[in-house]
């Protein structure tokens, strides 16, 4: 399973010719894509009108949804305090929650943000264009 970060959803929603659109469509068709609350909230937050927010919500409502439990919030805090901040790495809380969810549910993260590479044990999704053959 794959959780897509907000950085990937933005081109998906705004550019029908984008590579991210093609890749997310393939993940949706393969029933491999999940939505998480913090990404949904960020996408709605970025809408310019109520109509756009409604359309975005409607478009994403059919995806499998992963809830954020107490233990996931705790893990997000531990990632920040226990692992990253002590190394001088600061990630936004939203990205810590996404990382904690991905670790808990053994999902890959599809992102355009390089800072996810700093999270130990996190699996990053490699789009088809980035895979090597052979």
C-alpha atoms as a PDB file:
ATOM      1  CA  UNK A   1       0.000   0.000   0.000  1.00  0.00           C
ATOM      2  CA  UNK A   2       1.076   3.563  -0.686  1.00  0.00           C
ATOM      3  CA  UNK A   3       0.183   6.832   1.011  1.00  0.00           C
ATOM      4  CA  UNK A   4       0.695   9.911  -1.160  1.00  0.00           C
ATOM      5  CA  UNK A   5       1.968  13.059   0.491  1.00  0.00           C
ATOM      6  CA  UNK A   6       0.319  16.412  -0.214  1.00  0.00           C
ATOM      7  CA  UNK A   7       3.261  17.355  -2.452  1.00  0.00           C
ATOM      8  CA  UNK A   8       2.144  14.651  -4.912  1.00  0.00           C
ATOM      9  CA  UNK A   9      -1.589  15.371  -4.720  1.00  0.00           C
ATOM     10  CA  UNK A  10      -1.151  19.025  -5.719  1.00  0.00           C
ATOM     11  CA  UNK A  11       0.066  18.257  -9.257  1.00  0.00           C
ATOM     12  CA  UNK A  12      -2.475  15.407  -9.454  1.00  0.00           C
ATOM     13  CA  UNK A  13      -5.321  17.839  -8.797  1.00  0.00           C
ATOM     14  CA  UNK A  14      -3.969  20.777 -10.810  1.00  0.00           C
ATOM     15  CA  UNK A  15      -2.243  19.280 -13.854  1.00  0.00           C
ATOM     16  CA  UNK A  16      -4.019  16.481 -15.751  1.00  0.00           C
ATOM     17  CA  UNK A  17      -0.833  15.871 -17.777  1.00  0.00           C
ATOM     18  CA  UNK A  18       1.496  15.526 -14.783  1.00  0.00           C
ATOM     19  CA  UNK A  19       3.544  12.464 -14.052  1.00  0.00           C
ATOM     20  CA  UNK A  20       2.081  12.467 -10.549  1.00  0.00           C
ATOM     21  CA  UNK A  21      -1.439  12.253 -12.025  1.00  0.00           C
ATOM     22  CA  UNK A  22      -0.477   9.247 -14.148  1.00  0.00           C
ATOM     23  CA  UNK A  23       1.256   7.538 -11.230  1.00  0.00           C
ATOM     24  CA  UNK A  24      -1.564   8.111  -8.723  1.00  0.00           C
ATOM     25  CA  UNK A  25      -4.130   6.968 -11.286  1.00  0.00           C
ATOM     26  CA  UNK A  26      -2.164   3.715 -11.678  1.00  0.00           C
ATOM     27  CA  UNK A  27      -2.025   3.254  -7.890  1.00  0.00           C
ATOM     28  CA  UNK A  28      -5.771   3.929  -7.626  1.00  0.00           C
ATOM     29  CA  UNK A  29      -6.510   1.469 -10.451  1.00  0.00           C
ATOM     30  CA  UNK A  30      -4.382  -1.129  -8.666  1.00  0.00           C
ATOM     31  CA  UNK A  31      -6.168  -0.455  -5.352  1.00  0.00           C
ATOM     32  CA  UNK A  32      -2.824   0.374  -3.737  1.00  0.00           C
ATOM     33  CA  UNK A  33      -3.435   3.998  -2.684  1.00  0.00           C
ATOM     34  CA  UNK A  34      -4.663   5.103   0.740  1.00  0.00           C
ATOM     35  CA  UNK A  35      -5.654   8.486   2.141  1.00  0.00           C
ATOM     36  CA  UNK A  36      -4.767   9.781   5.594  1.00  0.00           C
ATOM     37  CA  UNK A  37      -6.484  12.560   7.504  1.00  0.00           C
ATOM     38  CA  UNK A  38      -3.629  15.030   7.639  1.00  0.00           C
ATOM     39  CA  UNK A  39      -3.172  14.933   3.846  1.00  0.00           C
ATOM     40  CA  UNK A  40      -6.912  15.323   3.285  1.00  0.00           C
ATOM     41  CA  UNK A  41      -6.965  18.316   5.644  1.00  0.00           C
ATOM     42  CA  UNK A  42      -3.977  19.934   3.926  1.00  0.00           C
ATOM     43  CA  UNK A  43      -5.589  19.525   0.505  1.00  0.00           C
ATOM     44  CA  UNK A  44      -8.878  21.060   1.658  1.00  0.00           C
ATOM     45  CA  UNK A  45      -6.968  23.842   3.430  1.00  0.00           C
ATOM     46  CA  UNK A  46      -5.324  24.761   0.128  1.00  0.00           C
ATOM     47  CA  UNK A  47      -8.601  25.160  -1.776  1.00  0.00           C
ATOM     48  CA  UNK A  48      -9.552  28.626  -2.954  1.00  0.00           C
ATOM     49  CA  UNK A  49     -13.336  28.253  -2.894  1.00  0.00           C
ATOM     50  CA  UNK A  50     -15.994  26.176  -1.133  1.00  0.00           C
ATOM     51  CA  UNK A  51     -16.865  24.597  -4.482  1.00  0.00           C
ATOM     52  CA  UNK A  52     -13.229  23.539  -5.004  1.00  0.00           C
ATOM     53  CA  UNK A  53     -13.093  22.103  -1.468  1.00  0.00           C
ATOM     54  CA  UNK A  54     -16.283  20.127  -2.076  1.00  0.00           C
ATOM     55  CA  UNK A  55     -14.998  18.794  -5.406  1.00  0.00           C
ATOM     56  CA  UNK A  56     -11.663  17.788  -3.853  1.00  0.00           C
ATOM     57  CA  UNK A  57     -13.362  16.021  -0.955  1.00  0.00           C
ATOM     58  CA  UNK A  58     -15.742  14.216  -3.290  1.00  0.00           C
ATOM     59  CA  UNK A  59     -12.897  13.130  -5.555  1.00  0.00           C
ATOM     60  CA  UNK A  60     -10.910  11.625  -2.672  1.00  0.00           C
ATOM     61  CA  UNK A  61     -13.790  10.120  -0.678  1.00  0.00           C
ATOM     62  CA  UNK A  62     -13.606   6.780  -2.481  1.00  0.00           C
ATOM     63  CA  UNK A  63     -10.061   6.010  -1.360  1.00  0.00           C
ATOM     64  CA  UNK A  64      -9.291   3.625   1.455  1.00  0.00           C
ATOM     65  CA  UNK A  65      -8.833   5.744   4.603  1.00  0.00           C
ATOM     66  CA  UNK A  66      -6.388   5.061   7.418  1.00  0.00           C
ATOM     67  CA  UNK A  67      -7.343   6.487  10.836  1.00  0.00           C
ATOM     68  CA  UNK A  68      -4.773   8.029  13.162  1.00  0.00           C
ATOM     69  CA  UNK A  69      -4.787   6.314  16.559  1.00  0.00           C
ATOM     70  CA  UNK A  70      -3.301   7.523  19.845  1.00  0.00           C
ATOM     71  CA  UNK A  71      -0.281   5.252  19.337  1.00  0.00           C
ATOM     72  CA  UNK A  72       0.397   6.860  15.939  1.00  0.00           C
ATOM     73  CA  UNK A  73       0.408  10.378  17.419  1.00  0.00           C
ATOM     74  CA  UNK A  74       2.762   9.068  20.113  1.00  0.00           C
ATOM     75  CA  UNK A  75       5.057   7.546  17.483  1.00  0.00           C
ATOM     76  CA  UNK A  76       5.099  10.828  15.529  1.00  0.00           C
ATOM     77  CA  UNK A  77       6.291  12.641  18.651  1.00  0.00           C
ATOM     78  CA  UNK A  78       8.881   9.963  19.343  1.00  0.00           C
ATOM     79  CA  UNK A  79      10.182  10.177  15.785  1.00  0.00           C
ATOM     80  CA  UNK A  80      10.683  13.892  16.173  1.00  0.00           C
ATOM     81  CA  UNK A  81      12.044  13.985  19.699  1.00  0.00           C
ATOM     82  CA  UNK A  82      13.815  10.665  19.926  1.00  0.00           C
ATOM     83  CA  UNK A  83      15.334  10.271  16.485  1.00  0.00           C
ATOM     84  CA  UNK A  84      15.293  13.330  14.276  1.00  0.00           C
ATOM     85  CA  UNK A  85      15.531  16.451  16.419  1.00  0.00           C
ATOM     86  CA  UNK A  86      18.526  15.078  18.306  1.00  0.00           C
ATOM     87  CA  UNK A  87      20.268  14.808  14.919  1.00  0.00           C
ATOM     88  CA  UNK A  88      19.321  18.380  14.013  1.00  0.00           C
ATOM     89  CA  UNK A  89      16.490  17.343  11.664  1.00  0.00           C
ATOM     90  CA  UNK A  90      13.111  19.060  11.989  1.00  0.00           C
ATOM     91  CA  UNK A  91      10.084  17.828  10.058  1.00  0.00           C
ATOM     92  CA  UNK A  92       6.623  19.412  10.033  1.00  0.00           C
ATOM     93  CA  UNK A  93       4.169  17.690  12.387  1.00  0.00           C
ATOM     94  CA  UNK A  94       1.989  16.700   9.433  1.00  0.00           C
ATOM     95  CA  UNK A  95       4.895  14.822   7.835  1.00  0.00           C
ATOM     96  CA  UNK A  96       5.787  13.143  11.133  1.00  0.00           C
ATOM     97  CA  UNK A  97       2.215  11.826  11.345  1.00  0.00           C
ATOM     98  CA  UNK A  98       2.356  10.569   7.756  1.00  0.00           C
ATOM     99  CA  UNK A  99       5.663   8.837   8.509  1.00  0.00           C
ATOM    100  CA  UNK A 100       4.310   7.281  11.715  1.00  0.00           C
ATOM    101  CA  UNK A 101       1.242   5.978   9.849  1.00  0.00           C
ATOM    102  CA  UNK A 102       3.408   4.563   7.075  1.00  0.00           C
ATOM    103  CA  UNK A 103       5.662   2.796   9.564  1.00  0.00           C
ATOM    104  CA  UNK A 104       2.730   1.416  11.572  1.00  0.00           C
ATOM    105  CA  UNK A 105       0.887   0.059   8.534  1.00  0.00           C
ATOM    106  CA  UNK A 106       4.014  -0.899   6.561  1.00  0.00           C
ATOM    107  CA  UNK A 107       3.140   1.444   3.712  1.00  0.00           C
ATOM    108  CA  UNK A 108       5.373   3.274   1.291  1.00  0.00           C
ATOM    109  CA  UNK A 109       5.233   7.070   1.024  1.00  0.00           C
ATOM    110  CA  UNK A 110       5.006   8.695  -2.395  1.00  0.00           C
ATOM    111  CA  UNK A 111       6.408  12.194  -1.931  1.00  0.00           C
ATOM    112  CA  UNK A 112       8.301  14.946  -3.672  1.00  0.00           C
ATOM    113  CA  UNK A 113       9.755  16.139  -0.335  1.00  0.00           C
ATOM    114  CA  UNK A 114      13.302  14.876   0.272  1.00  0.00           C
ATOM    115  CA  UNK A 115      13.115  15.279   4.058  1.00  0.00           C
ATOM    116  CA  UNK A 116      11.231  11.971   4.409  1.00  0.00           C
ATOM    117  CA  UNK A 117      14.567  10.262   3.632  1.00  0.00           C
ATOM    118  CA  UNK A 118      15.713  11.286   7.123  1.00  0.00           C
ATOM    119  CA  UNK A 119      13.187   8.975   8.817  1.00  0.00           C
ATOM    120  CA  UNK A 120      14.836   5.648   9.671  1.00  0.00           C
ATOM    121  CA  UNK A 121      13.048   2.570   8.358  1.00  0.00           C
ATOM    122  CA  UNK A 122      10.633   4.503   6.152  1.00  0.00           C
ATOM    123  CA  UNK A 123       9.945   3.008   2.712  1.00  0.00           C
ATOM    124  CA  UNK A 124       9.634   5.559  -0.071  1.00  0.00           C
ATOM    125  CA  UNK A 125       7.610   4.766  -3.180  1.00  0.00           C
ATOM    126  CA  UNK A 126       9.582   5.003  -6.414  1.00  0.00           C
ATOM    127  CA  UNK A 127       7.442   6.002  -9.411  1.00  0.00           C
ATOM    128  CA  UNK A 128       7.677   3.897 -12.558  1.00  0.00           C
ATOM    129  CA  UNK A 129       9.936   6.498 -14.236  1.00  0.00           C
ATOM    130  CA  UNK A 130      12.441   6.145 -11.391  1.00  0.00           C
ATOM    131  CA  UNK A 131      12.681   2.360 -11.458  1.00  0.00           C
ATOM    132  CA  UNK A 132      15.592   0.725 -13.185  1.00  0.00           C
ATOM    133  CA  UNK A 133      15.002  -2.262 -15.370  1.00  0.00           C
ATOM    134  CA  UNK A 134      17.176  -5.340 -15.291  1.00  0.00           C
END
